[in-house]
Protein backbone atom coordinates (compact mmCIF):
# COMPACT_ATOMS: atom_id res chain seq x y z
CA UNK A 1 -1.47 -0.52 6.03
CA UNK A 2 1.66 -1.75 4.46
CA UNK A 3 3.85 0.95 3.11
CA UNK A 4 6.85 0.31 0.87
CA UNK A 5 9.70 2.77 0.48
CA UNK A 6 11.94 2.99 -2.50
CA UNK A 7 15.13 4.72 -3.50
CA UNK A 8 16.31 7.72 -1.39
CA UNK A 9 13.15 7.40 0.62
CA UNK A 10 14.20 3.93 1.88
CA UNK A 11 17.61 5.47 2.73
CA UNK A 12 16.05 8.23 4.67
CA UNK A 13 13.63 6.02 6.62
CA UNK A 14 16.07 3.29 7.12
CA UNK A 15 13.63 0.64 6.04
CA UNK A 16 11.99 -0.73 2.88
CA UNK A 17 8.56 -1.51 4.45
CA UNK A 18 6.65 -0.25 7.34
CA UNK A 19 3.16 -1.01 8.91
CA UNK A 20 1.37 2.26 9.29
CA UNK A 21 -1.66 2.43 11.45
CA UNK A 22 -4.05 5.22 10.33
CA UNK A 23 -7.83 4.89 10.61
CA UNK A 24 -9.89 6.12 7.65
CA UNK A 25 -6.84 7.83 6.23
CA UNK A 26 -6.35 9.78 3.08
CA UNK A 27 -3.24 10.27 1.06
CA UNK A 28 -2.88 13.78 2.69
CA UNK A 29 -3.01 12.24 6.15
CA UNK A 30 -0.38 9.67 5.18
CA UNK A 31 1.82 12.39 3.77
CA UNK A 32 1.43 14.41 7.05
CA UNK A 33 2.39 11.28 9.04
CA UNK A 34 5.51 10.58 6.94
CA UNK A 35 6.53 14.19 7.07
CA UNK A 36 6.31 14.27 10.91
CA UNK A 37 7.82 10.83 11.51
CA UNK A 38 10.64 11.00 8.83
CA UNK A 39 11.01 14.65 8.09
CA UNK A 40 10.10 14.03 4.33
CA UNK A 41 9.08 16.89 2.24
CA UNK A 42 5.98 16.25 0.13
CA UNK A 43 7.71 17.71 -3.01
CA UNK A 44 10.35 15.08 -2.61
CA UNK A 45 8.03 12.14 -2.88
CA UNK A 46 5.43 10.35 -5.11
CA UNK A 47 2.71 8.11 -3.69
CA UNK A 48 1.43 5.07 -5.50
CA UNK A 49 -1.70 3.20 -4.30
CA UNK A 50 -2.22 -0.33 -5.77
CA UNK A 51 0.44 0.37 -8.40
CA UNK A 52 -1.04 3.66 -9.60
CA UNK A 53 0.49 7.06 -8.98
CA UNK A 54 -1.94 9.28 -7.24
CA UNK A 55 -2.17 13.05 -6.85
CA UNK A 56 -1.13 14.41 -3.53
CA UNK A 57 -3.49 17.23 -3.96
CA UNK A 58 -6.50 14.96 -4.44
CA UNK A 59 -8.02 13.65 -1.20
CA UNK A 60 -7.79 9.98 -2.09
CA UNK A 61 -8.95 7.66 0.79
CA UNK A 62 -6.78 4.69 1.72
CA UNK A 63 -7.95 1.28 2.70
CA UNK A 64 -6.18 -1.12 5.05
CA UNK A 65 -5.66 -3.50 2.25
CA UNK A 66 -4.13 -0.99 -0.17
CA UNK A 67 -0.48 -1.48 -1.23
CA UNK A 68 1.24 1.92 -0.77
CA UNK A 69 4.53 2.83 -2.34
CA UNK A 70 6.51 5.95 -1.43
CA UNK A 71 8.82 6.77 -4.30
CA UNK A 72 11.63 9.27 -4.84
CA UNK A 73 11.12 11.83 -7.65
CA UNK A 74 11.96 10.36 -11.03
CA UNK A 75 13.68 12.03 -13.96
CA UNK A 76 12.38 11.61 -17.49
CA UNK A 77 14.32 11.30 -20.57
């Protein structure tokens, strides 16, 4: 699946996009993969699937055709 990195996450990973191969993956499995690969902390990122922010606690299933965005925390105001 195509994963896009934004903000500080792109700086940490050293890339803006990545092809991640995970079969029958969930958001939790993607987070685990990102944490082990890039040492990202789940508190420091948000995940969007097909332009919708998803809960990291909910076990959302991912499809190979999904567009995944990994975002830095945002501040409101």
